[in-house]
């Protein structure tokens, strides 16, 4: 079905008698077909072209955000999220970008780059000071660094926010 949809949209785009609006609709639909079929690089390329479009900009940015989430490209996801936020067109909740920063912190920690991990967590906490995930990750980093005195207040704050997380803390 997706292959057939791709062929149909490619054939529509190739027609010389289409006006620009019709061509854009077919091109956008083709990008959605590529996305559904898992051809993220092709879909990304087309959605990027629509970033400046007056009719497809928000939808394109939201599709790009999904691509970057699926491919774990957190830096790109943050960039697109911030563009959507500026436009007032964010589909996800306020925690969404915080999780991207936490994912980057996790990657940095796994790579042994504690400085970058701390910086990413700092950005996450700045965006949402009561983010439980960011606080727990910060506490883990501090604990690994031997700064136990700084860990206790973080765990206490997490438990006050949600007592069900007492065992985690």
N, C-alpha and C. Protein backbone atom coordinates (compact mmCIF):
# COMPACT_ATOMS: atom_id res chain seq x y z
N UNK A 1 0.81 -1.20 0.00
CA UNK A 1 0.00 0.00 0.00
C UNK A 1 0.86 1.27 0.00
N UNK A 2 1.89 1.26 0.83
CA UNK A 2 2.75 2.44 0.92
C UNK A 2 3.53 2.61 -0.39
N UNK A 3 4.02 1.50 -0.93
CA UNK A 3 4.74 1.59 -2.21
C UNK A 3 3.85 2.16 -3.30
N UNK A 4 2.60 1.71 -3.31
CA UNK A 4 1.67 2.21 -4.32
C UNK A 4 1.40 3.70 -4.10
N UNK A 5 1.26 4.12 -2.85
CA UNK A 5 1.02 5.54 -2.56
C UNK A 5 2.23 6.38 -2.99
N UNK A 6 3.43 5.85 -2.76
CA UNK A 6 4.64 6.57 -3.18
C UNK A 6 4.63 6.76 -4.69
N UNK A 7 4.32 5.69 -5.43
CA UNK A 7 4.29 5.80 -6.90
C UNK A 7 3.23 6.79 -7.37
N UNK A 8 2.06 6.76 -6.74
CA UNK A 8 0.98 7.68 -7.12
C UNK A 8 1.43 9.12 -6.90
N UNK A 9 2.01 9.40 -5.74
CA UNK A 9 2.41 10.78 -5.44
C UNK A 9 3.58 11.23 -6.31
N UNK A 10 4.49 10.31 -6.63
CA UNK A 10 5.59 10.66 -7.53
C UNK A 10 5.05 10.98 -8.92
N UNK A 11 4.08 10.22 -9.38
CA UNK A 11 3.47 10.48 -10.69
C UNK A 11 2.71 11.80 -10.69
N UNK A 12 2.03 12.11 -9.60
CA UNK A 12 1.32 13.39 -9.51
C UNK A 12 2.29 14.56 -9.59
N UNK A 13 3.40 14.46 -8.87
CA UNK A 13 4.39 15.54 -8.85
C UNK A 13 4.97 15.75 -10.24
N UNK A 14 5.10 14.69 -11.01
CA UNK A 14 5.70 14.77 -12.34
C UNK A 14 4.78 15.41 -13.38
N UNK A 15 3.51 15.55 -13.06
CA UNK A 15 2.57 16.14 -14.03
C UNK A 15 2.87 17.63 -14.22
N UNK A 16 2.97 18.05 -15.46
CA UNK A 16 3.29 19.46 -15.72
C UNK A 16 2.12 20.41 -15.52
N UNK A 17 0.88 19.89 -15.51
CA UNK A 17 -0.29 20.77 -15.44
C UNK A 17 -0.74 21.09 -14.00
N UNK A 18 -0.02 20.66 -13.00
CA UNK A 18 -0.38 20.96 -11.61
C UNK A 18 0.05 22.38 -11.23
N UNK A 19 -0.81 23.05 -10.46
CA UNK A 19 -0.39 24.35 -9.94
C UNK A 19 0.51 24.10 -8.72
N UNK A 20 1.12 25.16 -8.22
CA UNK A 20 2.10 25.01 -7.13
C UNK A 20 1.48 24.44 -5.86
N UNK A 21 0.27 24.84 -5.55
CA UNK A 21 -0.40 24.34 -4.34
C UNK A 21 -0.64 22.83 -4.44
N UNK A 22 -1.10 22.38 -5.59
CA UNK A 22 -1.34 20.95 -5.80
C UNK A 22 -0.03 20.16 -5.75
N UNK A 23 0.99 20.74 -6.36
CA UNK A 23 2.31 20.09 -6.35
C UNK A 23 2.84 19.97 -4.92
N UNK A 24 2.67 21.04 -4.13
CA UNK A 24 3.11 21.03 -2.74
C UNK A 24 2.36 19.98 -1.93
N UNK A 25 1.05 19.87 -2.17
CA UNK A 25 0.25 18.87 -1.46
C UNK A 25 0.74 17.46 -1.79
N UNK A 26 0.99 17.20 -3.05
CA UNK A 26 1.46 15.88 -3.47
C UNK A 26 2.85 15.61 -2.91
N UNK A 27 3.69 16.63 -2.90
CA UNK A 27 5.06 16.48 -2.39
C UNK A 27 5.04 16.22 -0.89
N UNK A 28 4.18 16.92 -0.16
CA UNK A 28 4.04 16.71 1.28
C UNK A 28 3.51 15.29 1.55
N UNK A 29 2.53 14.86 0.76
CA UNK A 29 2.00 13.50 0.91
C UNK A 29 3.07 12.46 0.62
N UNK A 30 3.93 12.74 -0.35
CA UNK A 30 5.04 11.83 -0.65
C UNK A 30 5.97 11.72 0.57
N UNK A 31 6.25 12.84 1.20
CA UNK A 31 7.10 12.82 2.40
C UNK A 31 6.46 11.98 3.49
N UNK A 32 5.14 12.10 3.65
CA UNK A 32 4.44 11.29 4.65
C UNK A 32 4.51 9.80 4.29
N UNK A 33 4.43 9.50 3.00
CA UNK A 33 4.57 8.11 2.54
C UNK A 33 5.95 7.57 2.90
N UNK A 34 6.98 8.38 2.64
CA UNK A 34 8.34 7.97 2.98
C UNK A 34 8.47 7.73 4.48
N UNK A 35 7.86 8.60 5.26
CA UNK A 35 7.91 8.46 6.72
C UNK A 35 7.25 7.15 7.15
N UNK A 36 6.08 6.86 6.60
CA UNK A 36 5.37 5.62 6.94
C UNK A 36 6.16 4.38 6.54
N UNK A 37 6.91 4.49 5.46
CA UNK A 37 7.66 3.32 5.00
C UNK A 37 9.04 3.19 5.66
N UNK A 38 9.37 4.15 6.52
CA UNK A 38 10.65 4.07 7.24
C UNK A 38 11.82 4.68 6.48
N UNK A 39 11.55 5.38 5.41
CA UNK A 39 12.61 6.05 4.65
C UNK A 39 12.80 7.45 5.23
N UNK A 40 13.34 7.49 6.43
CA UNK A 40 13.41 8.74 7.19
C UNK A 40 14.26 9.81 6.52
N UNK A 41 15.35 9.39 5.89
CA UNK A 41 16.23 10.39 5.25
C UNK A 41 15.51 11.10 4.11
N UNK A 42 14.73 10.36 3.33
CA UNK A 42 13.99 10.98 2.22
C UNK A 42 12.88 11.88 2.75
N UNK A 43 12.17 11.40 3.77
CA UNK A 43 11.10 12.20 4.36
C UNK A 43 11.67 13.46 4.99
N UNK A 44 12.77 13.32 5.70
CA UNK A 44 13.40 14.47 6.35
C UNK A 44 13.75 15.55 5.33
N UNK A 45 14.33 15.13 4.23
CA UNK A 45 14.76 16.08 3.19
C UNK A 45 13.57 16.91 2.69
N UNK A 46 12.45 16.25 2.46
CA UNK A 46 11.27 16.97 1.95
C UNK A 46 10.67 17.86 3.04
N UNK A 47 10.56 17.34 4.26
CA UNK A 47 9.98 18.15 5.33
C UNK A 47 10.82 19.39 5.62
N UNK A 48 12.13 19.27 5.48
CA UNK A 48 13.00 20.44 5.67
C UNK A 48 12.69 21.51 4.62
N UNK A 49 12.39 21.07 3.41
CA UNK A 49 12.04 22.03 2.35
C UNK A 49 10.77 22.80 2.67
N UNK A 50 9.88 22.20 3.47
CA UNK A 50 8.62 22.85 3.81
C UNK A 50 8.70 23.72 5.06
N UNK A 51 9.87 23.83 5.68
CA UNK A 51 10.00 24.63 6.89
C UNK A 51 9.61 26.08 6.67
N UNK A 52 9.84 26.60 5.49
CA UNK A 52 9.53 28.00 5.20
C UNK A 52 8.18 28.17 4.52
N UNK A 53 7.47 27.08 4.36
CA UNK A 53 6.17 27.12 3.68
C UNK A 53 5.12 27.74 4.61
N UNK A 54 4.25 28.54 4.03
CA UNK A 54 3.20 29.16 4.85
C UNK A 54 2.11 28.16 5.20
N UNK A 55 1.90 27.16 4.36
CA UNK A 55 0.81 26.21 4.61
C UNK A 55 1.25 24.93 5.32
N UNK A 56 2.49 24.52 5.14
CA UNK A 56 2.92 23.23 5.68
C UNK A 56 4.01 23.33 6.75
N UNK A 57 4.35 24.52 7.19
CA UNK A 57 5.48 24.69 8.10
C UNK A 57 5.29 23.93 9.41
N UNK A 58 4.19 24.18 10.11
CA UNK A 58 3.98 23.55 11.41
C UNK A 58 3.91 22.03 11.29
N UNK A 59 3.18 21.56 10.30
CA UNK A 59 3.06 20.12 10.10
C UNK A 59 4.42 19.51 9.77
N UNK A 60 5.21 20.20 8.96
CA UNK A 60 6.53 19.70 8.59
C UNK A 60 7.44 19.62 9.81
N UNK A 61 7.41 20.67 10.62
CA UNK A 61 8.25 20.67 11.82
C UNK A 61 7.84 19.55 12.78
N UNK A 62 6.54 19.33 12.92
CA UNK A 62 6.09 18.23 13.78
C UNK A 62 6.51 16.87 13.24
N UNK A 63 6.47 16.72 11.93
CA UNK A 63 6.92 15.45 11.32
C UNK A 63 8.43 15.29 11.51
N UNK A 64 9.19 16.38 11.34
CA UNK A 64 10.63 16.32 11.56
C UNK A 64 10.93 15.93 13.00
N UNK A 65 10.16 16.49 13.93
CA UNK A 65 10.36 16.16 15.34
C UNK A 65 10.18 14.67 15.56
N UNK A 66 9.16 14.09 14.95
CA UNK A 66 8.91 12.64 15.10
C UNK A 66 10.06 11.82 14.50
N UNK A 67 10.57 12.28 13.36
CA UNK A 67 11.70 11.58 12.73
C UNK A 67 12.89 11.60 13.67
N UNK A 68 13.19 12.75 14.24
CA UNK A 68 14.35 12.87 15.12
C UNK A 68 14.16 12.08 16.40
N UNK A 69 12.93 11.96 16.88
CA UNK A 69 12.67 11.11 18.04
C UNK A 69 12.91 9.65 17.69
N UNK A 70 12.40 9.22 16.53
CA UNK A 70 12.54 7.82 16.14
C UNK A 70 13.99 7.44 15.87
N UNK A 71 14.78 8.40 15.38
CA UNK A 71 16.18 8.12 15.07
C UNK A 71 17.12 8.51 16.22
N UNK A 72 16.53 8.96 17.33
CA UNK A 72 17.29 9.35 18.53
C UNK A 72 18.30 10.46 18.25
N UNK A 73 17.93 11.37 17.37
CA UNK A 73 18.76 12.53 17.08
C UNK A 73 18.26 13.67 17.96
N UNK A 74 18.67 13.62 19.24
CA UNK A 74 18.10 14.51 20.25
C UNK A 74 18.48 15.97 20.03
N UNK A 75 19.65 16.24 19.52
CA UNK A 75 20.04 17.63 19.28
C UNK A 75 19.14 18.26 18.22
N UNK A 76 18.89 17.53 17.15
CA UNK A 76 17.99 18.02 16.10
C UNK A 76 16.56 18.16 16.65
N UNK A 77 16.16 17.21 17.49
CA UNK A 77 14.82 17.26 18.08
C UNK A 77 14.65 18.52 18.92
N UNK A 78 15.67 18.86 19.68
CA UNK A 78 15.61 20.08 20.50
C UNK A 78 15.50 21.31 19.60
N UNK A 79 16.29 21.34 18.56
CA UNK A 79 16.27 22.49 17.64
C UNK A 79 14.89 22.67 17.02
N UNK A 80 14.29 21.59 16.56
CA UNK A 80 12.97 21.67 15.93
C UNK A 80 11.91 22.00 16.98
N UNK A 81 12.02 21.41 18.17
CA UNK A 81 11.07 21.70 19.23
C UNK A 81 11.06 23.20 19.55
N UNK A 82 12.24 23.78 19.65
CA UNK A 82 12.33 25.21 19.97
C UNK A 82 11.73 26.07 18.85
N UNK A 83 11.88 25.64 17.60
CA UNK A 83 11.24 26.36 16.49
C UNK A 83 9.71 26.29 16.62
N UNK A 84 9.23 25.09 16.93
CA UNK A 84 7.79 24.92 17.10
C UNK A 84 7.28 25.75 18.28
N UNK A 85 8.06 25.79 19.33
CA UNK A 85 7.68 26.55 20.51
C UNK A 85 7.58 28.04 20.18
N UNK A 86 8.53 28.54 19.40
CA UNK A 86 8.49 29.94 18.98
C UNK A 86 7.25 30.24 18.16
N UNK A 87 6.83 29.27 17.38
CA UNK A 87 5.65 29.46 16.52
C UNK A 87 4.35 29.19 17.29
N UNK A 88 4.45 28.69 18.52
CA UNK A 88 3.26 28.35 19.29
C UNK A 88 2.54 27.14 18.74
N UNK A 89 3.30 26.21 18.16
CA UNK A 89 2.71 25.06 17.48
C UNK A 89 3.20 23.73 18.03
N UNK A 90 3.55 23.68 19.31
CA UNK A 90 4.05 22.45 19.91
C UNK A 90 2.89 21.50 20.16
N UNK A 91 3.00 20.27 19.66
CA UNK A 91 1.96 19.25 19.89
C UNK A 91 2.14 18.56 21.23
N UNK A 92 3.39 18.33 21.63
CA UNK A 92 3.67 17.60 22.86
C UNK A 92 3.55 18.48 24.08
N UNK A 93 3.72 17.86 25.23
CA UNK A 93 3.64 18.58 26.49
C UNK A 93 4.93 19.30 26.82
N UNK A 94 4.92 20.01 27.94
CA UNK A 94 6.10 20.80 28.32
C UNK A 94 7.30 19.94 28.71
N UNK A 95 7.07 18.69 29.05
CA UNK A 95 8.18 17.81 29.44
C UNK A 95 8.97 17.29 28.26
N UNK A 96 8.43 17.42 27.07
CA UNK A 96 9.03 16.81 25.89
C UNK A 96 10.49 17.20 25.70
N UNK A 97 10.79 18.48 25.69
CA UNK A 97 12.16 18.92 25.45
C UNK A 97 13.05 18.56 26.64
N UNK A 98 12.49 18.50 27.82
CA UNK A 98 13.26 18.10 29.00
C UNK A 98 13.76 16.67 28.82
N UNK A 99 12.93 15.83 28.27
CA UNK A 99 13.35 14.44 28.03
C UNK A 99 14.45 14.36 26.98
N UNK A 100 14.42 15.24 26.00
CA UNK A 100 15.50 15.26 25.00
C UNK A 100 16.83 15.61 25.67
N UNK A 101 16.80 16.61 26.54
CA UNK A 101 18.02 16.98 27.27
C UNK A 101 18.49 15.82 28.15
N UNK A 102 17.55 15.12 28.77
CA UNK A 102 17.91 13.98 29.61
C UNK A 102 18.52 12.85 28.77
N UNK A 103 17.99 12.65 27.58
CA UNK A 103 18.56 11.63 26.69
C UNK A 103 19.99 11.99 26.31
N UNK A 104 20.23 13.27 26.02
CA UNK A 104 21.59 13.71 25.70
C UNK A 104 22.51 13.54 26.91
N UNK A 105 21.99 13.82 28.09
CA UNK A 105 22.77 13.64 29.32
C UNK A 105 23.12 12.17 29.52
N UNK A 106 22.16 11.31 29.25
CA UNK A 106 22.39 9.87 29.39
C UNK A 106 23.48 9.41 28.41
N UNK A 107 23.41 9.88 27.17
CA UNK A 107 24.42 9.53 26.18
C UNK A 107 25.80 10.02 26.61
N UNK A 108 25.86 11.24 27.09
CA UNK A 108 27.14 11.81 27.53
C UNK A 108 27.69 11.02 28.72
N UNK A 109 26.82 10.67 29.65
CA UNK A 109 27.25 9.89 30.82
C UNK A 109 27.81 8.53 30.38
N UNK A 110 27.09 7.89 29.47
CA UNK A 110 27.54 6.58 28.97
C UNK A 110 28.89 6.68 28.26
N UNK A 111 29.15 7.84 27.65
CA UNK A 111 30.42 8.06 26.95
C UNK A 111 31.52 8.53 27.90
N UNK A 112 31.16 8.72 29.17
CA UNK A 112 32.15 9.16 30.15
C UNK A 112 32.37 10.66 30.18
N UNK A 113 31.52 11.41 29.49
CA UNK A 113 31.63 12.87 29.44
C UNK A 113 30.69 13.48 30.48
N UNK A 114 31.14 13.49 31.73
CA UNK A 114 30.29 13.95 32.82
C UNK A 114 30.01 15.45 32.74
N UNK A 115 30.95 16.21 32.21
CA UNK A 115 30.74 17.66 32.08
C UNK A 115 29.55 17.95 31.17
N UNK A 116 29.50 17.28 30.02
CA UNK A 116 28.38 17.47 29.09
C UNK A 116 27.09 16.96 29.70
N UNK A 117 27.16 15.83 30.40
CA UNK A 117 25.97 15.29 31.05
C UNK A 117 25.40 16.30 32.05
N UNK A 118 26.27 16.90 32.83
CA UNK A 118 25.83 17.91 33.80
C UNK A 118 25.22 19.11 33.08
N UNK A 119 25.82 19.54 32.00
CA UNK A 119 25.31 20.69 31.24
C UNK A 119 23.92 20.40 30.68
N UNK A 120 23.71 19.20 30.16
CA UNK A 120 22.40 18.84 29.61
C UNK A 120 21.35 18.76 30.71
N UNK A 121 21.74 18.21 31.86
CA UNK A 121 20.80 18.15 32.98
C UNK A 121 20.48 19.55 33.50
N UNK A 122 21.47 20.40 33.48
CA UNK A 122 21.25 21.78 33.90
C UNK A 122 20.22 22.46 32.99
N UNK A 123 20.31 22.21 31.70
CA UNK A 123 19.34 22.78 30.76
C UNK A 123 17.95 22.20 31.01
N UNK A 124 17.91 20.90 31.28
CA UNK A 124 16.62 20.26 31.54
C UNK A 124 15.97 20.84 32.79
N UNK A 125 16.75 20.99 33.84
CA UNK A 125 16.22 21.50 35.10
C UNK A 125 15.84 22.98 34.98
N UNK A 126 16.59 23.70 34.17
CA UNK A 126 16.26 25.12 33.95
C UNK A 126 14.89 25.23 33.27
N UNK A 127 14.63 24.35 32.32
CA UNK A 127 13.35 24.37 31.60
C UNK A 127 12.20 23.92 32.49
N UNK A 128 12.47 22.91 33.34
CA UNK A 128 11.41 22.39 34.21
C UNK A 128 12.05 21.95 35.53
N UNK A 129 12.11 22.87 36.50
CA UNK A 129 12.79 22.58 37.76
C UNK A 129 12.26 21.36 38.51
N UNK A 130 11.00 21.02 38.32
CA UNK A 130 10.44 19.88 39.05
C UNK A 130 10.45 18.58 38.24
N UNK A 131 11.26 18.50 37.21
CA UNK A 131 11.37 17.28 36.41
C UNK A 131 12.01 16.18 37.25
N UNK A 132 11.25 15.18 37.55
CA UNK A 132 11.73 14.08 38.38
C UNK A 132 12.87 13.34 37.70
N UNK A 133 12.71 13.09 36.42
CA UNK A 133 13.76 12.37 35.68
C UNK A 133 15.08 13.12 35.75
N UNK A 134 15.05 14.41 35.47
CA UNK A 134 16.28 15.21 35.49
C UNK A 134 16.88 15.26 36.89
N UNK A 135 16.03 15.39 37.90
CA UNK A 135 16.54 15.44 39.28
C UNK A 135 17.20 14.12 39.68
N UNK A 136 16.56 13.01 39.33
CA UNK A 136 17.14 11.71 39.67
C UNK A 136 18.46 11.48 38.93
N UNK A 137 18.52 11.91 37.69
CA UNK A 137 19.77 11.77 36.94
C UNK A 137 20.86 12.66 37.54
N UNK A 138 20.48 13.86 37.94
CA UNK A 138 21.45 14.76 38.58
C UNK A 138 21.97 14.15 39.87
N UNK A 139 21.06 13.56 40.65
CA UNK A 139 21.47 12.92 41.91
C UNK A 139 22.42 11.76 41.64
N UNK A 140 22.15 10.98 40.62
CA UNK A 140 23.05 9.87 40.26
C UNK A 140 24.44 10.37 39.91
N UNK A 141 24.50 11.44 39.11
CA UNK A 141 25.81 12.01 38.75
C UNK A 141 26.56 12.50 39.98
N UNK A 142 25.84 13.20 40.85
CA UNK A 142 26.47 13.71 42.07
C UNK A 142 26.94 12.57 42.97
N UNK A 143 26.14 11.54 43.04
CA UNK A 143 26.51 10.38 43.87
C UNK A 143 27.77 9.71 43.32
N UNK A 144 27.84 9.57 42.00
CA UNK A 144 29.04 8.98 41.39
C UNK A 144 30.27 9.85 41.63
N UNK A 145 30.05 11.16 41.74
CA UNK A 145 31.16 12.08 41.99
C UNK A 145 31.52 12.16 43.47
N UNK A 146 30.77 11.42 44.30
CA UNK A 146 31.06 11.40 45.74
C UNK A 146 30.51 12.59 46.50
N UNK A 147 29.62 13.35 45.89
CA UNK A 147 29.05 14.52 46.56
C UNK A 147 27.72 14.15 47.22
N UNK A 148 27.81 13.29 48.21
CA UNK A 148 26.63 12.73 48.86
C UNK A 148 25.80 13.78 49.59
N UNK A 149 26.42 14.78 50.12
CA UNK A 149 25.69 15.82 50.86
C UNK A 149 24.74 16.58 49.92
N UNK A 150 25.10 16.70 48.67
CA UNK A 150 24.24 17.41 47.71
C UNK A 150 23.13 16.51 47.17
N UNK A 151 23.29 15.19 47.33
CA UNK A 151 22.32 14.24 46.80
C UNK A 151 21.07 14.16 47.68
N UNK A 152 21.26 14.21 48.98
CA UNK A 152 20.16 14.02 49.92
C UNK A 152 19.02 15.03 49.69
N UNK A 153 19.30 16.33 49.55
CA UNK A 153 18.18 17.26 49.32
C UNK A 153 17.43 17.01 48.00
N UNK A 154 18.15 16.53 47.01
CA UNK A 154 17.50 16.23 45.72
C UNK A 154 16.53 15.07 45.89
N UNK A 155 16.99 14.01 46.55
CA UNK A 155 16.12 12.86 46.79
C UNK A 155 14.92 13.26 47.65
N UNK A 156 15.14 14.09 48.64
CA UNK A 156 14.04 14.54 49.51
C UNK A 156 13.01 15.32 48.69
N UNK A 157 13.48 16.16 47.78
CA UNK A 157 12.58 16.95 46.94
C UNK A 157 11.78 16.03 46.01
N UNK A 158 12.43 15.01 45.46
CA UNK A 158 11.74 14.06 44.58
C UNK A 158 10.65 13.33 45.36
N UNK A 159 10.96 12.90 46.57
CA UNK A 159 9.98 12.18 47.38
C UNK A 159 8.80 13.08 47.75
N UNK A 160 9.08 14.36 48.03
CA UNK A 160 7.98 15.30 48.30
C UNK A 160 7.09 15.48 47.07
N UNK A 161 7.69 15.47 45.90
CA UNK A 161 6.92 15.63 44.67
C UNK A 161 6.04 14.42 44.41
N UNK A 162 6.59 13.24 44.65
CA UNK A 162 5.84 12.01 44.39
C UNK A 162 6.36 10.92 45.32
N UNK A 163 5.59 10.62 46.35
CA UNK A 163 6.03 9.66 47.36
C UNK A 163 6.20 8.25 46.80
N UNK A 164 5.58 7.98 45.65
CA UNK A 164 5.74 6.65 45.04
C UNK A 164 7.17 6.42 44.55
N UNK A 165 7.95 7.48 44.46
CA UNK A 165 9.33 7.36 43.97
C UNK A 165 10.35 7.20 45.11
N UNK A 166 9.84 6.97 46.31
CA UNK A 166 10.74 6.82 47.46
C UNK A 166 11.72 5.67 47.28
N UNK A 167 11.25 4.57 46.73
CA UNK A 167 12.15 3.43 46.53
C UNK A 167 13.22 3.76 45.48
N UNK A 168 12.85 4.52 44.47
CA UNK A 168 13.82 4.94 43.45
C UNK A 168 14.88 5.86 44.04
N UNK A 169 14.41 6.79 44.88
CA UNK A 169 15.32 7.72 45.52
C UNK A 169 16.17 6.98 46.55
